């Protein structure tokens, strides 16, 4: 079996670390599988490659323990027919890479917006005057240094080795328990797994409308492990509600709940059942 896997590249990103962890899990459970890792310059393009049928699967970050959900993934799921199949979580490490001999000479710091946010307190304490410049990935920031002793990048310590850029500080994340959930998605229907991802919009922004929808699960004692809202991008004050719940769509209680939910929502999208992998 041949399998292509898209992720946010280039080499040295946390997404690549997750992709390698998933590939190792595949090899252990399906030794005959040949996996081709396919880096993309953005998360959106990685997801689009799956939606367009160019790539079999993509592994994308869905939620960080410090900064919360990765909104581009939520928005793309809502706008496409992509399905969630599996989930894995990896620890995240951020180092400060620079050709500068000291922090005092640094004027600019490059990195992905999530990494900048996950190191915000450290940056405010040790580099309060620097200009923070967002990049498409942590590794892209490393590539922008080019022997500039006034610039630095936040990236994984692994990127320091790969691109031969000195590691000025080894661990600058704001929380010791910084970790990120990744979803493995494809364009195929996913109806197996212990968790279910879905989203819905409401027909009107009326008092009690959201409560009515959520009570459908509460009455059946179905545990919602996450709920989050995103703008519909149609009108101010209109939202899409994303939910993760424990259970399978074939469970009678959940089947009944989804049928009732469909009757009180404008649009209901089921993103699929997924299992949480132990990697």
C-alpha atoms as a PDB file:
ATOM      1  CA  UNK A   1       0.000   0.000   0.000  1.00  0.00           C
ATOM      2  CA  UNK A   2       1.246   3.477  -0.901  1.00  0.00           C
ATOM      3  CA  UNK A   3       0.267   6.517   1.142  1.00  0.00           C
ATOM      4  CA  UNK A   4       1.078  10.199   0.592  1.00  0.00           C
ATOM      5  CA  UNK A   5       0.979  12.502   3.628  1.00  0.00           C
ATOM      6  CA  UNK A   6       0.859  16.308   3.454  1.00  0.00           C
ATOM      7  CA  UNK A   7       2.094  18.556   6.266  1.00  0.00           C
ATOM      8  CA  UNK A   8       3.341  22.073   6.918  1.00  0.00           C
ATOM      9  CA  UNK A   9       6.964  22.203   5.823  1.00  0.00           C
ATOM     10  CA  UNK A  10       9.758  22.649   5.175  1.00  0.00           C
ATOM     11  CA  UNK A  11      12.017  20.238   7.048  1.00  0.00           C
ATOM     12  CA  UNK A  12      12.382  21.049  10.726  1.00  0.00           C
ATOM     13  CA  UNK A  13       8.815  22.127  11.585  1.00  0.00           C
ATOM     14  CA  UNK A  14       6.780  20.688  14.443  1.00  0.00           C
ATOM     15  CA  UNK A  15       4.333  19.476  11.817  1.00  0.00           C
ATOM     16  CA  UNK A  16       7.119  17.393  10.296  1.00  0.00           C
ATOM     17  CA  UNK A  17       7.828  15.940  13.740  1.00  0.00           C
ATOM     18  CA  UNK A  18       4.151  14.969  13.973  1.00  0.00           C
ATOM     19  CA  UNK A  19       4.222  13.556  10.442  1.00  0.00           C
ATOM     20  CA  UNK A  20       7.249  11.396  11.282  1.00  0.00           C
ATOM     21  CA  UNK A  21       5.570  10.183  14.481  1.00  0.00           C
ATOM     22  CA  UNK A  22       2.466   9.237  12.503  1.00  0.00           C
ATOM     23  CA  UNK A  23       4.541   7.538   9.804  1.00  0.00           C
ATOM     24  CA  UNK A  24       6.296   5.500  12.499  1.00  0.00           C
ATOM     25  CA  UNK A  25       2.905   4.487  13.907  1.00  0.00           C
ATOM     26  CA  UNK A  26       1.789   3.390  10.425  1.00  0.00           C
ATOM     27  CA  UNK A  27       4.959   1.338   9.897  1.00  0.00           C
ATOM     28  CA  UNK A  28       4.459  -0.430  13.223  1.00  0.00           C
ATOM     29  CA  UNK A  29       0.836  -1.316  12.498  1.00  0.00           C
ATOM     30  CA  UNK A  30       0.977  -1.704   8.709  1.00  0.00           C
ATOM     31  CA  UNK A  31       4.568  -2.713   7.840  1.00  0.00           C
ATOM     32  CA  UNK A  32       3.810  -3.130   4.140  1.00  0.00           C
ATOM     33  CA  UNK A  33       2.782   0.535   3.747  1.00  0.00           C
ATOM     34  CA  UNK A  34       5.068   2.913   1.846  1.00  0.00           C
ATOM     35  CA  UNK A  35       4.679   6.507   3.021  1.00  0.00           C
ATOM     36  CA  UNK A  36       5.688   9.583   1.037  1.00  0.00           C
ATOM     37  CA  UNK A  37       5.962  12.745   3.135  1.00  0.00           C
ATOM     38  CA  UNK A  38       4.870  15.852   1.197  1.00  0.00           C
ATOM     39  CA  UNK A  39       5.724  19.246   2.741  1.00  0.00           C
ATOM     40  CA  UNK A  40       3.565  22.254   1.828  1.00  0.00           C
ATOM     41  CA  UNK A  41       4.275  25.958   2.420  1.00  0.00           C
ATOM     42  CA  UNK A  42       1.048  26.497   4.406  1.00  0.00           C
ATOM     43  CA  UNK A  43      -1.520  24.533   6.388  1.00  0.00           C
ATOM     44  CA  UNK A  44      -4.263  25.669   4.022  1.00  0.00           C
ATOM     45  CA  UNK A  45      -2.405  24.300   0.996  1.00  0.00           C
ATOM     46  CA  UNK A  46      -1.754  20.996   2.773  1.00  0.00           C
ATOM     47  CA  UNK A  47      -5.483  20.649   3.455  1.00  0.00           C
ATOM     48  CA  UNK A  48      -6.377  21.723  -0.063  1.00  0.00           C
ATOM     49  CA  UNK A  49      -4.132  19.018  -1.512  1.00  0.00           C
ATOM     50  CA  UNK A  50      -6.329  16.439   0.237  1.00  0.00           C
ATOM     51  CA  UNK A  51      -9.599  18.115  -0.722  1.00  0.00           C
ATOM     52  CA  UNK A  52      -8.484  18.191  -4.371  1.00  0.00           C
ATOM     53  CA  UNK A  53      -7.470  14.519  -4.360  1.00  0.00           C
ATOM     54  CA  UNK A  54      -3.777  15.228  -4.942  1.00  0.00           C
ATOM     55  CA  UNK A  55      -2.625  13.727  -1.614  1.00  0.00           C
ATOM     56  CA  UNK A  56      -4.090  10.816   0.376  1.00  0.00           C
ATOM     57  CA  UNK A  57      -3.914  12.351   3.851  1.00  0.00           C
ATOM     58  CA  UNK A  58      -2.726  15.431   5.694  1.00  0.00           C
ATOM     59  CA  UNK A  59      -1.606  15.892   9.278  1.00  0.00           C
ATOM     60  CA  UNK A  60      -2.425  19.349  10.615  1.00  0.00           C
ATOM     61  CA  UNK A  61      -2.328  21.038  14.031  1.00  0.00           C
ATOM     62  CA  UNK A  62      -5.813  21.525  15.452  1.00  0.00           C
ATOM     63  CA  UNK A  63      -5.151  22.822  18.975  1.00  0.00           C
ATOM     64  CA  UNK A  64      -2.244  24.014  21.093  1.00  0.00           C
ATOM     65  CA  UNK A  65      -2.336  23.818  24.885  1.00  0.00           C
ATOM     66  CA  UNK A  66      -1.273  27.488  25.192  1.00  0.00           C
ATOM     67  CA  UNK A  67      -2.807  29.243  22.195  1.00  0.00           C
ATOM     68  CA  UNK A  68      -5.900  27.142  21.563  1.00  0.00           C
ATOM     69  CA  UNK A  69      -7.340  26.149  18.205  1.00  0.00           C
ATOM     70  CA  UNK A  70      -5.681  26.622  14.837  1.00  0.00           C
ATOM     71  CA  UNK A  71      -8.451  28.560  13.140  1.00  0.00           C
ATOM     72  CA  UNK A  72      -7.374  27.943   9.544  1.00  0.00           C
ATOM     73  CA  UNK A  73      -8.025  24.223  10.092  1.00  0.00           C
ATOM     74  CA  UNK A  74     -11.494  24.828  11.543  1.00  0.00           C
ATOM     75  CA  UNK A  75     -12.438  27.185   8.715  1.00  0.00           C
ATOM     76  CA  UNK A  76     -11.169  24.811   6.024  1.00  0.00           C
ATOM     77  CA  UNK A  77     -13.042  21.861   7.509  1.00  0.00           C
ATOM     78  CA  UNK A  78     -16.267  23.871   7.463  1.00  0.00           C
ATOM     79  CA  UNK A  79     -15.740  24.909   3.852  1.00  0.00           C
ATOM     80  CA  UNK A  80     -14.707  21.490   2.475  1.00  0.00           C
ATOM     81  CA  UNK A  81     -15.590  17.790   2.548  1.00  0.00           C
ATOM     82  CA  UNK A  82     -12.495  16.717   4.484  1.00  0.00           C
ATOM     83  CA  UNK A  83     -12.930  14.051   7.176  1.00  0.00           C
ATOM     84  CA  UNK A  84     -11.028  13.528  10.434  1.00  0.00           C
ATOM     85  CA  UNK A  85      -9.663   9.995  10.952  1.00  0.00           C
ATOM     86  CA  UNK A  86      -7.117  10.051  13.759  1.00  0.00           C
ATOM     87  CA  UNK A  87      -5.521  12.288  16.360  1.00  0.00           C
ATOM     88  CA  UNK A  88      -2.108  12.416  17.975  1.00  0.00           C
ATOM     89  CA  UNK A  89      -0.466  14.791  20.427  1.00  0.00           C
ATOM     90  CA  UNK A  90       3.202  15.764  20.579  1.00  0.00           C
ATOM     91  CA  UNK A  91       5.185  18.002  22.959  1.00  0.00           C
ATOM     92  CA  UNK A  92       6.342  21.305  21.471  1.00  0.00           C
ATOM     93  CA  UNK A  93       9.809  22.775  22.023  1.00  0.00           C
ATOM     94  CA  UNK A  94      10.860  26.261  20.975  1.00  0.00           C
ATOM     95  CA  UNK A  95      14.427  27.513  20.858  1.00  0.00           C
ATOM     96  CA  UNK A  96      15.852  30.870  19.841  1.00  0.00           C
ATOM     97  CA  UNK A  97      18.130  30.479  16.816  1.00  0.00           C
ATOM     98  CA  UNK A  98      20.484  33.259  15.797  1.00  0.00           C
ATOM     99  CA  UNK A  99      23.954  34.095  14.512  1.00  0.00           C
ATOM    100  CA  UNK A 100      24.058  36.845  17.142  1.00  0.00           C
ATOM    101  CA  UNK A 101      26.486  36.290  20.038  1.00  0.00           C
ATOM    102  CA  UNK A 102      24.041  37.824  22.546  1.00  0.00           C
ATOM    103  CA  UNK A 103      20.406  38.796  23.070  1.00  0.00           C
ATOM    104  CA  UNK A 104      21.332  42.485  23.228  1.00  0.00           C
ATOM    105  CA  UNK A 105      22.142  42.622  19.506  1.00  0.00           C
ATOM    106  CA  UNK A 106      18.851  41.119  18.324  1.00  0.00           C
ATOM    107  CA  UNK A 107      16.424  43.552  16.686  1.00  0.00           C
ATOM    108  CA  UNK A 108      14.094  41.190  14.796  1.00  0.00           C
ATOM    109  CA  UNK A 109      12.533  37.803  15.591  1.00  0.00           C
ATOM    110  CA  UNK A 110      10.893  35.651  12.914  1.00  0.00           C
ATOM    111  CA  UNK A 111       8.522  32.737  13.434  1.00  0.00           C
ATOM    112  CA  UNK A 112       5.086  31.276  12.822  1.00  0.00           C
ATOM    113  CA  UNK A 113       2.365  33.278  14.654  1.00  0.00           C
ATOM    114  CA  UNK A 114       1.595  30.296  16.909  1.00  0.00           C
ATOM    115  CA  UNK A 115       5.240  30.024  18.001  1.00  0.00           C
ATOM    116  CA  UNK A 116       5.490  33.762  18.637  1.00  0.00           C
ATOM    117  CA  UNK A 117       2.370  33.581  20.791  1.00  0.00           C
ATOM    118  CA  UNK A 118       3.588  30.504  22.674  1.00  0.00           C
ATOM    119  CA  UNK A 119       6.760  32.394  23.646  1.00  0.00           C
ATOM    120  CA  UNK A 120       5.126  35.771  24.252  1.00  0.00           C
ATOM    121  CA  UNK A 121       6.016  36.102  27.939  1.00  0.00           C
ATOM    122  CA  UNK A 122       9.661  35.134  27.350  1.00  0.00           C
ATOM    123  CA  UNK A 123       9.923  37.643  24.508  1.00  0.00           C
ATOM    124  CA  UNK A 124       8.386  40.412  26.619  1.00  0.00           C
ATOM    125  CA  UNK A 125      10.876  39.712  29.410  1.00  0.00           C
ATOM    126  CA  UNK A 126      14.115  39.202  27.489  1.00  0.00           C
ATOM    127  CA  UNK A 127      13.518  40.904  24.111  1.00  0.00           C
ATOM    128  CA  UNK A 128      10.897  43.597  24.794  1.00  0.00           C
ATOM    129  CA  UNK A 129      12.069  45.964  22.058  1.00  0.00           C
ATOM    130  CA  UNK A 130      12.418  43.555  19.124  1.00  0.00           C
ATOM    131  CA  UNK A 131      10.225  43.538  16.044  1.00  0.00           C
ATOM    132  CA  UNK A 132       8.218  40.309  15.742  1.00  0.00           C
ATOM    133  CA  UNK A 133       7.665  39.199  12.143  1.00  0.00           C
ATOM    134  CA  UNK A 134       5.266  36.298  11.409  1.00  0.00           C
ATOM    135  CA  UNK A 135       6.240  33.648   8.849  1.00  0.00           C
ATOM    136  CA  UNK A 136       4.392  30.735   7.244  1.00  0.00           C
ATOM    137  CA  UNK A 137       6.315  28.227   9.356  1.00  0.00           C
ATOM    138  CA  UNK A 138       8.933  28.205  12.095  1.00  0.00           C
ATOM    139  CA  UNK A 139      11.504  26.847   9.661  1.00  0.00           C
ATOM    140  CA  UNK A 140      10.866  29.633   7.140  1.00  0.00           C
ATOM    141  CA  UNK A 141      11.962  32.060   9.833  1.00  0.00           C
ATOM    142  CA  UNK A 142      15.251  30.199  10.236  1.00  0.00           C
ATOM    143  CA  UNK A 143      15.920  30.485   6.512  1.00  0.00           C
ATOM    144  CA  UNK A 144      15.506  34.272   6.702  1.00  0.00           C
ATOM    145  CA  UNK A 145      18.430  34.755   9.085  1.00  0.00           C
ATOM    146  CA  UNK A 146      21.192  34.480   6.449  1.00  0.00           C
ATOM    147  CA  UNK A 147      24.101  35.339   8.769  1.00  0.00           C
ATOM    148  CA  UNK A 148      22.276  38.478  10.011  1.00  0.00           C
ATOM    149  CA  UNK A 149      23.496  38.989  13.581  1.00  0.00           C
ATOM    150  CA  UNK A 150      20.601  41.336  14.392  1.00  0.00           C
ATOM    151  CA  UNK A 151      17.934  38.710  13.609  1.00  0.00           C
ATOM    152  CA  UNK A 152      16.684  35.571  15.341  1.00  0.00           C
ATOM    153  CA  UNK A 153      14.063  32.913  14.752  1.00  0.00           C
ATOM    154  CA  UNK A 154      11.922  30.809  17.052  1.00  0.00           C
ATOM    155  CA  UNK A 155      12.005  27.190  15.911  1.00  0.00           C
ATOM    156  CA  UNK A 156      12.565  23.683  17.176  1.00  0.00           C
ATOM    157  CA  UNK A 157      16.066  22.813  18.427  1.00  0.00           C
ATOM    158  CA  UNK A 158      16.074  20.218  15.638  1.00  0.00           C
ATOM    159  CA  UNK A 159      16.008  23.063  13.084  1.00  0.00           C
ATOM    160  CA  UNK A 160      19.241  24.402  14.583  1.00  0.00           C
ATOM    161  CA  UNK A 161      20.983  21.160  13.666  1.00  0.00           C
ATOM    162  CA  UNK A 162      19.353  20.822  10.253  1.00  0.00           C
ATOM    163  CA  UNK A 163      20.170  24.344   9.070  1.00  0.00           C
ATOM    164  CA  UNK A 164      23.411  24.811  11.037  1.00  0.00           C
ATOM    165  CA  UNK A 165      22.201  27.940  12.834  1.00  0.00           C
ATOM    166  CA  UNK A 166      23.420  28.428  16.433  1.00  0.00           C
ATOM    167  CA  UNK A 167      20.916  27.767  19.213  1.00  0.00           C
ATOM    168  CA  UNK A 168      21.148  30.908  21.346  1.00  0.00           C
ATOM    169  CA  UNK A 169      18.532  29.726  23.879  1.00  0.00           C
ATOM    170  CA  UNK A 170      17.363  26.108  23.996  1.00  0.00           C
ATOM    171  CA  UNK A 171      13.888  26.389  25.511  1.00  0.00           C
ATOM    172  CA  UNK A 172      11.877  29.622  25.566  1.00  0.00           C
ATOM    173  CA  UNK A 173       8.266  28.416  25.559  1.00  0.00           C
ATOM    174  CA  UNK A 174       5.996  29.993  28.181  1.00  0.00           C
ATOM    175  CA  UNK A 175       4.656  26.691  29.531  1.00  0.00           C
ATOM    176  CA  UNK A 176       6.491  23.486  30.380  1.00  0.00           C
ATOM    177  CA  UNK A 177       3.487  21.461  29.269  1.00  0.00           C
ATOM    178  CA  UNK A 178       3.276  22.991  25.793  1.00  0.00           C
ATOM    179  CA  UNK A 179       1.799  20.398  23.440  1.00  0.00           C
ATOM    180  CA  UNK A 180      -0.237  20.336  20.231  1.00  0.00           C
ATOM    181  CA  UNK A 181      -3.025  18.070  19.034  1.00  0.00           C
ATOM    182  CA  UNK A 182      -2.780  17.057  15.379  1.00  0.00           C
ATOM    183  CA  UNK A 183      -5.557  15.634  13.221  1.00  0.00           C
ATOM    184  CA  UNK A 184      -4.990  13.210  10.380  1.00  0.00           C
ATOM    185  CA  UNK A 185      -7.545  13.969   7.675  1.00  0.00           C
ATOM    186  CA  UNK A 186      -8.543  12.593   4.291  1.00  0.00           C
ATOM    187  CA  UNK A 187     -11.354  12.907   1.769  1.00  0.00           C
ATOM    188  CA  UNK A 188     -12.787   9.475   2.674  1.00  0.00           C
ATOM    189  CA  UNK A 189     -15.719   8.940   5.021  1.00  0.00           C
ATOM    190  CA  UNK A 190     -14.610   8.261   8.591  1.00  0.00           C
ATOM    191  CA  UNK A 191     -17.125   6.373  10.733  1.00  0.00           C
ATOM    192  CA  UNK A 192     -14.809   4.453  13.068  1.00  0.00           C
ATOM    193  CA  UNK A 193     -13.390   5.822  16.264  1.00  0.00           C
ATOM    194  CA  UNK A 194     -14.024   6.753  19.868  1.00  0.00           C
ATOM    195  CA  UNK A 195     -14.548  10.478  19.244  1.00  0.00           C
ATOM    196  CA  UNK A 196     -16.664  12.492  16.825  1.00  0.00           C
ATOM    197  CA  UNK A 197     -16.038  15.937  15.338  1.00  0.00           C
ATOM    198  CA  UNK A 198     -18.872  18.079  13.982  1.00  0.00           C
ATOM    199  CA  UNK A 199     -19.972  21.668  13.455  1.00  0.00           C
ATOM    200  CA  UNK A 200     -23.231  23.493  12.961  1.00  0.00           C
ATOM    201  CA  UNK A 201     -24.674  26.929  12.303  1.00  0.00           C
ATOM    202  CA  UNK A 202     -27.967  28.203  13.668  1.00  0.00           C
ATOM    203  CA  UNK A 203     -30.915  29.359  11.577  1.00  0.00           C
ATOM    204  CA  UNK A 204     -31.175  32.565  13.576  1.00  0.00           C
ATOM    205  CA  UNK A 205     -29.350  34.348  16.368  1.00  0.00           C
ATOM    206  CA  UNK A 206     -32.197  33.990  18.852  1.00  0.00           C
ATOM    207  CA  UNK A 207     -32.181  33.682  22.659  1.00  0.00           C
ATOM    208  CA  UNK A 208     -31.779  30.069  23.720  1.00  0.00           C
ATOM    209  CA  UNK A 209     -30.950  28.745  20.246  1.00  0.00           C
ATOM    210  CA  UNK A 210     -27.497  27.485  21.242  1.00  0.00           C
ATOM    211  CA  UNK A 211     -28.755  26.145  24.569  1.00  0.00           C
ATOM    212  CA  UNK A 212     -31.427  24.169  22.734  1.00  0.00           C
ATOM    213  CA  UNK A 213     -28.768  22.546  20.549  1.00  0.00           C
ATOM    214  CA  UNK A 214     -26.430  21.718  23.426  1.00  0.00           C
ATOM    215  CA  UNK A 215     -29.185  20.320  25.643  1.00  0.00           C
ATOM    216  CA  UNK A 216     -29.691  17.585  23.058  1.00  0.00           C
ATOM    217  CA  UNK A 217     -26.359  16.121  24.187  1.00  0.00           C
ATOM    218  CA  UNK A 218     -26.796  16.918  27.874  1.00  0.00           C
ATOM    219  CA  UNK A 219     -30.128  15.078  28.100  1.00  0.00           C
ATOM    220  CA  UNK A 220     -28.467  11.960  26.689  1.00  0.00           C
ATOM    221  CA  UNK A 221     -25.391  12.352  28.921  1.00  0.00           C
ATOM    222  CA  UNK A 222     -23.094  12.595  25.902  1.00  0.00           C
ATOM    223  CA  UNK A 223     -19.830  14.220  26.937  1.00  0.00           C
ATOM    224  CA  UNK A 224     -18.651  17.182  24.852  1.00  0.00           C
ATOM    225  CA  UNK A 225     -14.867  17.332  25.128  1.00  0.00           C
ATOM    226  CA  UNK A 226     -14.650  20.666  23.299  1.00  0.00           C
ATOM    227  CA  UNK A 227     -16.875  23.434  21.952  1.00  0.00           C
ATOM    228  CA  UNK A 228     -15.717  26.517  20.063  1.00  0.00           C
ATOM    229  CA  UNK A 229     -17.225  29.179  17.844  1.00  0.00           C
ATOM    230  CA  UNK A 230     -15.955  30.755  14.629  1.00  0.00           C
ATOM    231  CA  UNK A 231     -17.518  33.570  12.573  1.00  0.00           C
ATOM    232  CA  UNK A 232     -19.606  32.408   9.609  1.00  0.00           C
ATOM    233  CA  UNK A 233     -17.915  35.207   7.593  1.00  0.00           C
ATOM    234  CA  UNK A 234     -21.376  36.253   6.380  1.00  0.00           C
ATOM    235  CA  UNK A 235     -22.488  38.767   8.978  1.00  0.00           C
ATOM    236  CA  UNK A 236     -21.231  40.136  12.283  1.00  0.00           C
ATOM    237  CA  UNK A 237     -22.631  38.127  15.185  1.00  0.00           C
ATOM    238  CA  UNK A 238     -23.239  34.908  13.218  1.00  0.00           C
ATOM    239  CA  UNK A 239     -21.194  31.880  14.249  1.00  0.00           C
ATOM    240  CA  UNK A 240     -20.348  28.293  13.428  1.00  0.00           C
ATOM    241  CA  UNK A 241     -20.043  26.054  16.498  1.00  0.00           C
ATOM    242  CA  UNK A 242     -17.418  23.294  16.445  1.00  0.00           C
ATOM    243  CA  UNK A 243     -17.849  20.337  18.792  1.00  0.00           C
ATOM    244  CA  UNK A 244     -15.801  17.286  19.722  1.00  0.00           C
ATOM    245  CA  UNK A 245     -17.686  14.606  21.601  1.00  0.00           C
ATOM    246  CA  UNK A 246     -16.954  11.209  23.052  1.00  0.00           C
ATOM    247  CA  UNK A 247     -18.620   8.361  21.177  1.00  0.00           C
ATOM    248  CA  UNK A 248     -19.238   6.962  17.724  1.00  0.00           C
ATOM    249  CA  UNK A 249     -21.813   8.153  15.198  1.00  0.00           C
ATOM    250  CA  UNK A 250     -23.259   4.597  15.069  1.00  0.00           C
ATOM    251  CA  UNK A 251     -24.046   4.582  18.795  1.00  0.00           C
ATOM    252  CA  UNK A 252     -27.863   4.734  19.090  1.00  0.00           C
ATOM    253  CA  UNK A 253     -27.843   7.687  21.520  1.00  0.00           C
ATOM    254  CA  UNK A 254     -25.499   9.699  19.307  1.00  0.00           C
ATOM    255  CA  UNK A 255     -27.413   8.766  16.139  1.00  0.00           C
ATOM    256  CA  UNK A 256     -30.613  10.052  17.740  1.00  0.00           C
ATOM    257  CA  UNK A 257     -28.877  13.159  19.038  1.00  0.00           C
ATOM    258  CA  UNK A 258     -27.540  14.035  15.577  1.00  0.00           C
ATOM    259  CA  UNK A 259     -30.984  13.547  14.036  1.00  0.00           C
ATOM    260  CA  UNK A 260     -32.521  15.924  16.583  1.00  0.00           C
ATOM    261  CA  UNK A 261     -29.654  18.389  16.188  1.00  0.00           C
ATOM    262  CA  UNK A 262     -30.211  18.475  12.443  1.00  0.00           C
ATOM    263  CA  UNK A 263     -33.787  19.662  12.996  1.00  0.00           C
ATOM    264  CA  UNK A 264     -32.774  22.722  15.058  1.00  0.00           C
ATOM    265  CA  UNK A 265     -29.713  23.892  13.125  1.00  0.00           C
ATOM    266  CA  UNK A 266     -29.251  25.638   9.799  1.00  0.00           C
ATOM    267  CA  UNK A 267     -26.315  23.518   8.595  1.00  0.00           C
ATOM    268  CA  UNK A 268     -24.895  20.443  10.331  1.00  0.00           C
ATOM    269  CA  UNK A 269     -21.588  18.970   9.149  1.00  0.00           C
ATOM    270  CA  UNK A 270     -20.138  15.734  10.496  1.00  0.00           C
ATOM    271  CA  UNK A 271     -16.342  15.720  10.145  1.00  0.00           C
ATOM    272  CA  UNK A 272     -16.016  12.072  11.100  1.00  0.00           C
ATOM    273  CA  UNK A 273     -15.086   9.707  13.868  1.00  0.00           C
ATOM    274  CA  UNK A 274     -11.484   9.492  14.979  1.00  0.00           C
ATOM    275  CA  UNK A 275      -9.292   7.496  17.342  1.00  0.00           C
ATOM    276  CA  UNK A 276      -6.616   9.030  19.541  1.00  0.00           C
ATOM    277  CA  UNK A 277      -3.279   7.381  18.751  1.00  0.00           C
ATOM    278  CA  UNK A 278      -0.659   6.503  21.325  1.00  0.00           C
ATOM    279  CA  UNK A 279       2.619   7.480  19.673  1.00  0.00           C
END
